[in-house]
Amino acid sequence: MLLVCEEVHRYMPNRGQAQYEEAQSAIRRIAKAGRKYGVGLLLLSQRPSGVDATVLSQCNSWFVLRITNGVEREHVRSVLPDSMSGLTKMLSSLRRQEAIFVGQAATLPTRVMIRSLTDEQLPRSNDVDFDKGWQQQAMTIEQIGGVIKKWRYQKK
């Protein structure tokens, strides 16, 4: 199972914020012990310096896209192993869809291109129209059971 956390700097800030205490606690636990239970964690942020240092220290592989902000580049350099710190010099010159791939999952630090997805591969993640949803007939117990079965067994 892979838990994807986008804009993680908003709810896992480098400084404590009580309103996100439960999310912070859960993500820290997953980052520290999730691997032994088969749970992976994918953290996405445009501001790595704003992400909790404890969680970042548990990340063992990185895709780093173009970073032009000097503070953010310096932060990435400080988190990477010393042998890879020279890679941060090229971060501001990366093209669109280009990244540096480093860490345990990469045999060598590598400059990679991230491919575009076809329309069929893109997620169908339109916003829910709540108004129309409340106007429809409620699901039956059998329909709910079918949804749970598909979710549990990952069938379409």
N, C-alpha and C. Protein backbone atom coordinates (compact mmCIF):
# COMPACT_ATOMS: atom_id res chain seq x y z
N MET A 1 0.85 -1.16 0.00
CA MET A 1 0.00 0.00 0.00
C MET A 1 0.90 1.23 0.00
N LEU A 2 0.55 2.23 -0.79
CA LEU A 2 1.30 3.46 -0.86
C LEU A 2 0.40 4.62 -0.47
N LEU A 3 0.81 5.36 0.55
CA LEU A 3 0.08 6.53 0.99
C LEU A 3 0.74 7.75 0.36
N VAL A 4 -0.02 8.49 -0.45
CA VAL A 4 0.51 9.67 -1.14
C VAL A 4 0.03 10.92 -0.41
N CYS A 5 0.98 11.77 -0.02
CA CYS A 5 0.67 13.00 0.71
C CYS A 5 1.15 14.19 -0.12
N GLU A 6 0.24 14.86 -0.79
CA GLU A 6 0.59 16.03 -1.59
C GLU A 6 0.59 17.27 -0.70
N GLU A 7 1.40 18.24 -1.11
CA GLU A 7 1.52 19.50 -0.38
C GLU A 7 1.77 19.22 1.11
N VAL A 8 2.66 18.29 1.37
CA VAL A 8 2.91 17.81 2.73
C VAL A 8 3.41 18.93 3.65
N HIS A 9 4.01 19.97 3.09
CA HIS A 9 4.48 21.08 3.92
C HIS A 9 3.33 21.81 4.62
N ARG A 10 2.11 21.62 4.13
CA ARG A 10 0.95 22.29 4.74
C ARG A 10 0.51 21.63 6.04
N TYR A 11 0.55 20.28 6.08
CA TYR A 11 0.08 19.59 7.29
C TYR A 11 1.16 18.84 8.04
N MET A 12 2.39 18.87 7.53
CA MET A 12 3.55 18.32 8.25
C MET A 12 4.63 19.39 8.31
N PRO A 13 4.31 20.55 8.85
CA PRO A 13 5.30 21.63 8.83
C PRO A 13 6.48 21.35 9.74
N ASN A 14 7.58 22.01 9.45
CA ASN A 14 8.80 21.84 10.22
C ASN A 14 8.66 22.42 11.62
N ARG A 15 7.64 23.16 11.84
CA ARG A 15 7.35 23.68 13.18
C ARG A 15 5.97 23.17 13.56
N GLY A 16 5.78 22.81 14.80
CA GLY A 16 4.53 22.19 15.24
C GLY A 16 3.34 23.10 15.14
N GLN A 17 2.22 22.56 14.67
CA GLN A 17 0.95 23.28 14.64
C GLN A 17 -0.11 22.33 15.18
N ALA A 18 -0.73 22.70 16.28
CA ALA A 18 -1.64 21.81 17.00
C ALA A 18 -2.81 21.34 16.14
N GLN A 19 -3.29 22.14 15.19
CA GLN A 19 -4.46 21.74 14.43
C GLN A 19 -4.19 20.51 13.55
N TYR A 20 -2.95 20.19 13.29
CA TYR A 20 -2.61 19.03 12.47
C TYR A 20 -1.94 17.93 13.29
N GLU A 21 -2.12 17.94 14.57
CA GLU A 21 -1.41 17.03 15.46
C GLU A 21 -1.66 15.55 15.12
N GLU A 22 -2.92 15.16 14.84
CA GLU A 22 -3.21 13.76 14.52
C GLU A 22 -2.55 13.35 13.21
N ALA A 23 -2.63 14.21 12.19
CA ALA A 23 -2.01 13.90 10.89
C ALA A 23 -0.50 13.78 11.05
N GLN A 24 0.09 14.68 11.81
CA GLN A 24 1.53 14.65 12.03
C GLN A 24 1.94 13.36 12.73
N SER A 25 1.21 12.97 13.74
CA SER A 25 1.53 11.76 14.49
C SER A 25 1.41 10.53 13.60
N ALA A 26 0.35 10.44 12.81
CA ALA A 26 0.14 9.28 11.94
C ALA A 26 1.23 9.20 10.87
N ILE A 27 1.56 10.30 10.24
CA ILE A 27 2.57 10.28 9.18
C ILE A 27 3.95 9.97 9.76
N ARG A 28 4.26 10.47 10.94
CA ARG A 28 5.54 10.13 11.58
C ARG A 28 5.64 8.63 11.84
N ARG A 29 4.53 8.03 12.33
CA ARG A 29 4.52 6.60 12.60
C ARG A 29 4.71 5.80 11.33
N ILE A 30 4.03 6.20 10.26
CA ILE A 30 4.15 5.49 8.98
C ILE A 30 5.57 5.64 8.44
N ALA A 31 6.13 6.85 8.54
CA ALA A 31 7.50 7.08 8.05
C ALA A 31 8.51 6.24 8.80
N LYS A 32 8.33 6.09 10.09
CA LYS A 32 9.30 5.36 10.91
C LYS A 32 9.12 3.85 10.83
N ALA A 33 7.87 3.35 10.79
CA ALA A 33 7.65 1.91 10.92
C ALA A 33 6.79 1.30 9.82
N GLY A 34 6.34 2.10 8.87
CA GLY A 34 5.43 1.59 7.84
C GLY A 34 6.01 0.51 6.96
N ARG A 35 7.31 0.59 6.66
CA ARG A 35 7.92 -0.39 5.74
C ARG A 35 7.76 -1.82 6.23
N LYS A 36 7.88 -2.03 7.53
CA LYS A 36 7.78 -3.42 8.02
C LYS A 36 6.35 -3.96 7.93
N TYR A 37 5.38 -3.09 7.71
CA TYR A 37 4.00 -3.52 7.53
C TYR A 37 3.56 -3.41 6.08
N GLY A 38 4.49 -3.12 5.17
CA GLY A 38 4.17 -3.03 3.75
C GLY A 38 3.50 -1.73 3.35
N VAL A 39 3.68 -0.69 4.14
CA VAL A 39 3.08 0.61 3.83
C VAL A 39 4.19 1.57 3.43
N GLY A 40 4.07 2.10 2.22
CA GLY A 40 5.03 3.08 1.72
C GLY A 40 4.47 4.48 1.86
N LEU A 41 5.34 5.45 1.84
CA LEU A 41 4.93 6.84 2.00
C LEU A 41 5.57 7.66 0.90
N LEU A 42 4.75 8.38 0.14
CA LEU A 42 5.23 9.25 -0.92
C LEU A 42 4.87 10.68 -0.52
N LEU A 43 5.90 11.48 -0.27
CA LEU A 43 5.69 12.86 0.16
C LEU A 43 5.98 13.80 -1.01
N LEU A 44 5.06 14.71 -1.27
CA LEU A 44 5.22 15.67 -2.34
C LEU A 44 5.15 17.07 -1.77
N SER A 45 6.12 17.89 -2.12
CA SER A 45 6.13 19.26 -1.62
C SER A 45 6.95 20.15 -2.54
N GLN A 46 6.50 21.37 -2.70
CA GLN A 46 7.27 22.37 -3.43
C GLN A 46 8.19 23.13 -2.48
N ARG A 47 8.03 22.87 -1.20
CA ARG A 47 8.83 23.56 -0.19
C ARG A 47 9.43 22.56 0.79
N PRO A 48 10.48 21.84 0.39
CA PRO A 48 11.04 20.82 1.28
C PRO A 48 11.57 21.38 2.60
N SER A 49 11.97 22.64 2.62
CA SER A 49 12.47 23.21 3.87
C SER A 49 11.35 23.38 4.89
N GLY A 50 10.10 23.36 4.44
CA GLY A 50 8.98 23.51 5.34
C GLY A 50 8.42 22.21 5.85
N VAL A 51 9.02 21.06 5.46
CA VAL A 51 8.52 19.75 5.87
C VAL A 51 9.25 19.28 7.12
N ASP A 52 8.53 18.63 8.01
CA ASP A 52 9.06 18.12 9.27
C ASP A 52 10.36 17.34 9.05
N ALA A 53 11.41 17.71 9.76
CA ALA A 53 12.73 17.10 9.60
C ALA A 53 12.74 15.61 9.97
N THR A 54 11.94 15.22 10.95
CA THR A 54 11.89 13.80 11.35
C THR A 54 11.38 12.94 10.20
N VAL A 55 10.35 13.40 9.54
CA VAL A 55 9.77 12.65 8.43
C VAL A 55 10.73 12.63 7.25
N LEU A 56 11.33 13.78 6.92
CA LEU A 56 12.27 13.84 5.80
C LEU A 56 13.47 12.93 6.02
N SER A 57 13.90 12.79 7.26
CA SER A 57 15.07 11.95 7.54
C SER A 57 14.78 10.47 7.27
N GLN A 58 13.51 10.08 7.24
CA GLN A 58 13.12 8.70 6.95
C GLN A 58 13.01 8.42 5.46
N CYS A 59 13.05 9.46 4.64
CA CYS A 59 12.95 9.28 3.19
C CYS A 59 14.30 8.81 2.66
N ASN A 60 14.31 7.64 2.03
CA ASN A 60 15.58 7.11 1.56
C ASN A 60 15.74 7.19 0.05
N SER A 61 14.74 7.68 -0.67
CA SER A 61 14.85 7.92 -2.11
C SER A 61 14.13 9.22 -2.44
N TRP A 62 14.70 9.96 -3.39
CA TRP A 62 14.18 11.29 -3.73
C TRP A 62 14.09 11.47 -5.23
N PHE A 63 13.01 12.10 -5.69
CA PHE A 63 12.91 12.67 -7.02
C PHE A 63 12.89 14.17 -6.78
N VAL A 64 13.89 14.86 -7.23
CA VAL A 64 13.97 16.31 -7.00
C VAL A 64 13.83 17.00 -8.35
N LEU A 65 12.78 17.78 -8.51
CA LEU A 65 12.56 18.52 -9.73
C LEU A 65 13.23 19.89 -9.64
N ARG A 66 13.03 20.70 -10.65
CA ARG A 66 13.70 22.01 -10.70
C ARG A 66 13.36 22.84 -9.45
N ILE A 67 14.42 23.35 -8.84
CA ILE A 67 14.27 24.24 -7.68
C ILE A 67 15.12 25.47 -7.97
N THR A 68 14.47 26.62 -8.08
CA THR A 68 15.22 27.85 -8.34
C THR A 68 15.49 28.65 -7.07
N ASN A 69 14.70 28.41 -6.04
CA ASN A 69 14.86 29.13 -4.79
C ASN A 69 16.12 28.63 -4.07
N GLY A 70 17.03 29.54 -3.76
CA GLY A 70 18.29 29.17 -3.12
C GLY A 70 18.13 28.53 -1.76
N VAL A 71 17.18 28.99 -0.97
CA VAL A 71 16.95 28.43 0.36
C VAL A 71 16.50 26.97 0.24
N GLU A 72 15.58 26.69 -0.67
CA GLU A 72 15.10 25.33 -0.87
C GLU A 72 16.22 24.43 -1.40
N ARG A 73 17.01 24.94 -2.35
CA ARG A 73 18.13 24.16 -2.89
C ARG A 73 19.12 23.82 -1.79
N GLU A 74 19.41 24.78 -0.93
CA GLU A 74 20.36 24.56 0.17
C GLU A 74 19.81 23.52 1.14
N HIS A 75 18.50 23.56 1.37
CA HIS A 75 17.89 22.58 2.28
C HIS A 75 18.00 21.17 1.69
N VAL A 76 17.72 21.02 0.40
CA VAL A 76 17.85 19.72 -0.25
C VAL A 76 19.29 19.24 -0.16
N ARG A 77 20.24 20.14 -0.38
CA ARG A 77 21.66 19.78 -0.30
C ARG A 77 22.00 19.29 1.10
N SER A 78 21.44 19.90 2.12
CA SER A 78 21.75 19.50 3.50
C SER A 78 21.17 18.14 3.86
N VAL A 79 20.10 17.73 3.20
CA VAL A 79 19.46 16.46 3.50
C VAL A 79 20.12 15.31 2.74
N LEU A 80 20.65 15.59 1.55
CA LEU A 80 21.29 14.54 0.75
C LEU A 80 22.64 14.16 1.35
N PRO A 81 23.10 12.93 1.10
CA PRO A 81 24.43 12.55 1.56
C PRO A 81 25.49 13.48 0.96
N ASP A 82 26.60 13.66 1.67
CA ASP A 82 27.65 14.56 1.22
C ASP A 82 28.14 14.27 -0.19
N SER A 83 28.20 13.00 -0.55
CA SER A 83 28.70 12.63 -1.88
C SER A 83 27.79 13.10 -3.01
N MET A 84 26.54 13.45 -2.68
CA MET A 84 25.58 13.86 -3.70
C MET A 84 25.29 15.35 -3.68
N SER A 85 25.92 16.08 -2.80
CA SER A 85 25.59 17.50 -2.65
C SER A 85 25.90 18.30 -3.92
N GLY A 86 26.83 17.85 -4.74
CA GLY A 86 27.14 18.55 -5.99
C GLY A 86 25.99 18.56 -6.97
N LEU A 87 25.08 17.59 -6.84
CA LEU A 87 23.92 17.53 -7.74
C LEU A 87 23.01 18.74 -7.59
N THR A 88 23.03 19.36 -6.43
CA THR A 88 22.12 20.48 -6.21
C THR A 88 22.47 21.68 -7.07
N LYS A 89 23.68 21.73 -7.59
CA LYS A 89 24.06 22.85 -8.46
C LYS A 89 23.26 22.85 -9.75
N MET A 90 22.82 21.68 -10.20
CA MET A 90 22.09 21.61 -11.46
C MET A 90 20.58 21.71 -11.29
N LEU A 91 20.09 21.79 -10.06
CA LEU A 91 18.64 21.80 -9.83
C LEU A 91 17.93 22.98 -10.48
N SER A 92 18.56 24.13 -10.52
CA SER A 92 17.90 25.29 -11.10
C SER A 92 17.88 25.24 -12.63
N SER A 93 18.66 24.35 -13.24
CA SER A 93 18.71 24.28 -14.70
C SER A 93 17.94 23.09 -15.27
N LEU A 94 17.25 22.33 -14.44
CA LEU A 94 16.47 21.19 -14.95
C LEU A 94 15.31 21.69 -15.81
N ARG A 95 14.98 20.92 -16.84
CA ARG A 95 13.85 21.27 -17.71
C ARG A 95 12.54 20.79 -17.08
N ARG A 96 11.41 21.14 -17.71
CA ARG A 96 10.12 20.64 -17.25
C ARG A 96 10.11 19.12 -17.39
N GLN A 97 9.52 18.44 -16.44
CA GLN A 97 9.40 16.99 -16.38
C GLN A 97 10.76 16.29 -16.24
N GLU A 98 11.78 17.01 -15.81
CA GLU A 98 13.09 16.42 -15.59
C GLU A 98 13.37 16.45 -14.09
N ALA A 99 14.03 15.42 -13.59
CA ALA A 99 14.30 15.33 -12.16
C ALA A 99 15.62 14.63 -11.91
N ILE A 100 16.14 14.81 -10.71
CA ILE A 100 17.29 14.06 -10.22
C ILE A 100 16.72 12.97 -9.32
N PHE A 101 17.10 11.73 -9.59
CA PHE A 101 16.62 10.58 -8.81
C PHE A 101 17.81 10.07 -8.01
N VAL A 102 17.70 10.12 -6.68
CA VAL A 102 18.79 9.70 -5.81
C VAL A 102 18.24 8.87 -4.66
N GLY A 103 19.10 8.09 -4.05
CA GLY A 103 18.72 7.33 -2.86
C GLY A 103 18.87 5.84 -3.04
N GLN A 104 18.30 5.09 -2.12
CA GLN A 104 18.44 3.64 -2.11
C GLN A 104 17.81 2.98 -3.32
N ALA A 105 16.75 3.57 -3.87
CA ALA A 105 16.08 2.97 -5.03
C ALA A 105 16.82 3.22 -6.33
N ALA A 106 17.80 4.12 -6.31
CA ALA A 106 18.58 4.43 -7.51
C ALA A 106 19.98 3.83 -7.36
N THR A 107 20.40 3.06 -8.35
CA THR A 107 21.74 2.48 -8.30
C THR A 107 22.79 3.58 -8.24
N LEU A 108 22.61 4.58 -9.09
CA LEU A 108 23.47 5.77 -9.11
C LEU A 108 22.56 6.99 -9.16
N PRO A 109 22.99 8.13 -8.64
CA PRO A 109 22.20 9.34 -8.84
C PRO A 109 22.00 9.55 -10.34
N THR A 110 20.77 9.76 -10.75
CA THR A 110 20.44 9.79 -12.16
C THR A 110 19.55 10.98 -12.49
N ARG A 111 19.80 11.54 -13.65
CA ARG A 111 18.94 12.60 -14.19
C ARG A 111 17.90 11.88 -15.05
N VAL A 112 16.62 12.04 -14.75
CA VAL A 112 15.55 11.31 -15.44
C VAL A 112 14.53 12.26 -16.03
N MET A 113 13.83 11.76 -17.06
CA MET A 113 12.69 12.48 -17.64
C MET A 113 11.42 11.77 -17.18
N ILE A 114 10.46 12.51 -16.72
CA ILE A 114 9.19 11.95 -16.28
C ILE A 114 8.24 12.03 -17.46
N ARG A 115 7.76 10.88 -17.89
CA ARG A 115 6.95 10.84 -19.11
C ARG A 115 5.55 11.41 -18.87
N SER A 116 4.95 11.88 -19.95
CA SER A 116 3.57 12.36 -19.90
C SER A 116 2.62 11.18 -19.96
N LEU A 117 1.48 11.32 -19.35
CA LEU A 117 0.47 10.26 -19.35
C LEU A 117 -0.55 10.52 -20.45
N THR A 118 -1.07 9.44 -21.02
CA THR A 118 -2.15 9.59 -22.00
C THR A 118 -3.42 9.96 -21.24
N ASP A 119 -4.43 10.38 -21.98
CA ASP A 119 -5.70 10.75 -21.35
C ASP A 119 -6.31 9.57 -20.58
N GLU A 120 -6.12 8.34 -21.10
CA GLU A 120 -6.67 7.16 -20.43
C GLU A 120 -5.96 6.87 -19.11
N GLN A 121 -4.69 7.29 -19.00
CA GLN A 121 -3.91 7.01 -17.80
C GLN A 121 -4.09 8.07 -16.72
N LEU A 122 -4.60 9.24 -17.09
CA LEU A 122 -4.79 10.31 -16.12
C LEU A 122 -5.89 9.94 -15.13
N PRO A 123 -5.75 10.34 -13.87
CA PRO A 123 -6.81 10.04 -12.90
C PRO A 123 -8.09 10.78 -13.24
N ARG A 124 -9.19 10.14 -13.01
CA ARG A 124 -10.48 10.78 -13.22
C ARG A 124 -10.92 11.36 -11.88
N SER A 125 -10.30 12.44 -11.51
CA SER A 125 -10.50 12.98 -10.16
C SER A 125 -11.23 14.31 -10.19
N ASN A 126 -12.41 14.32 -10.76
CA ASN A 126 -13.22 15.53 -10.78
C ASN A 126 -13.79 15.77 -9.40
N ASP A 127 -14.03 17.03 -9.10
CA ASP A 127 -14.65 17.35 -7.82
C ASP A 127 -16.06 16.78 -7.76
N VAL A 128 -16.44 16.34 -6.61
CA VAL A 128 -17.78 15.79 -6.40
C VAL A 128 -18.78 16.94 -6.37
N ASP A 129 -19.89 16.76 -7.07
CA ASP A 129 -20.97 17.75 -7.03
C ASP A 129 -21.89 17.34 -5.87
N PHE A 130 -21.60 17.88 -4.69
CA PHE A 130 -22.32 17.48 -3.48
C PHE A 130 -23.82 17.77 -3.57
N ASP A 131 -24.18 18.86 -4.21
CA ASP A 131 -25.59 19.23 -4.31
C ASP A 131 -26.38 18.13 -5.02
N LYS A 132 -25.86 17.65 -6.15
CA LYS A 132 -26.55 16.59 -6.89
C LYS A 132 -26.53 15.27 -6.10
N GLY A 133 -25.45 15.02 -5.41
CA GLY A 133 -25.35 13.80 -4.62
C GLY A 133 -26.42 13.69 -3.55
N TRP A 134 -26.72 14.80 -2.91
CA TRP A 134 -27.74 14.77 -1.85
C TRP A 134 -29.15 14.66 -2.40
N GLN A 135 -29.33 14.99 -3.68
CA GLN A 135 -30.66 14.93 -4.29
C GLN A 135 -31.00 13.54 -4.82
N GLN A 136 -30.01 12.65 -4.88
CA GLN A 136 -30.24 11.31 -5.41
C GLN A 136 -30.73 10.37 -4.30
N GLN A 137 -31.27 9.24 -4.77
CA GLN A 137 -31.72 8.19 -3.86
C GLN A 137 -30.50 7.63 -3.12
N ALA A 138 -30.64 7.34 -1.84
CA ALA A 138 -29.54 6.77 -1.05
C ALA A 138 -29.22 5.36 -1.55
N MET A 139 -27.96 4.96 -1.38
CA MET A 139 -27.54 3.61 -1.78
C MET A 139 -28.19 2.57 -0.87
N THR A 140 -28.46 1.42 -1.45
CA THR A 140 -29.00 0.31 -0.66
C THR A 140 -27.84 -0.38 0.07
N ILE A 141 -28.16 -1.22 1.02
CA ILE A 141 -27.15 -1.98 1.75
C ILE A 141 -26.37 -2.86 0.77
N GLU A 142 -27.07 -3.46 -0.22
CA GLU A 142 -26.39 -4.31 -1.21
C GLU A 142 -25.39 -3.50 -2.04
N GLN A 143 -25.76 -2.28 -2.44
CA GLN A 143 -24.86 -1.43 -3.23
C GLN A 143 -23.63 -1.04 -2.39
N ILE A 144 -23.86 -0.73 -1.14
CA ILE A 144 -22.74 -0.38 -0.25
C ILE A 144 -21.82 -1.59 -0.09
N GLY A 145 -22.41 -2.77 0.06
CA GLY A 145 -21.61 -3.99 0.16
C GLY A 145 -20.77 -4.20 -1.09
N GLY A 146 -21.34 -3.93 -2.26
CA GLY A 146 -20.60 -4.06 -3.51
C GLY A 146 -19.42 -3.10 -3.59
N VAL A 147 -19.61 -1.87 -3.13
CA VAL A 147 -18.53 -0.88 -3.10
C VAL A 147 -17.41 -1.35 -2.18
N ILE A 148 -17.78 -1.85 -1.01
CA ILE A 148 -16.79 -2.33 -0.04
C ILE A 148 -16.01 -3.51 -0.62
N LYS A 149 -16.71 -4.41 -1.31
CA LYS A 149 -16.05 -5.57 -1.90
C LYS A 149 -15.05 -5.13 -2.97
N LYS A 150 -15.45 -4.21 -3.84
CA LYS A 150 -14.54 -3.70 -4.88
C LYS A 150 -13.33 -3.01 -4.24
N TRP A 151 -13.58 -2.25 -3.20
CA TRP A 151 -12.50 -1.52 -2.53
C TRP A 151 -11.53 -2.51 -1.87
N ARG A 152 -12.09 -3.48 -1.18
CA ARG A 152 -11.27 -4.45 -0.45
C ARG A 152 -10.44 -5.33 -1.39
N TYR A 153 -11.05 -5.76 -2.50
CA TYR A 153 -10.36 -6.66 -3.40
C TYR A 153 -9.77 -5.94 -4.62
N GLN A 154 -9.87 -4.62 -4.63
CA GLN A 154 -9.30 -3.78 -5.69
C GLN A 154 -9.73 -4.21 -7.07
N LYS A 155 -11.03 -4.38 -7.24
CA LYS A 155 -11.60 -4.73 -8.54
C LYS A 155 -12.44 -3.56 -9.03
N LYS A 156 -12.47 -3.42 -10.36
CA LYS A 156 -13.28 -2.33 -10.95
C LYS A 156 -14.66 -2.81 -11.29
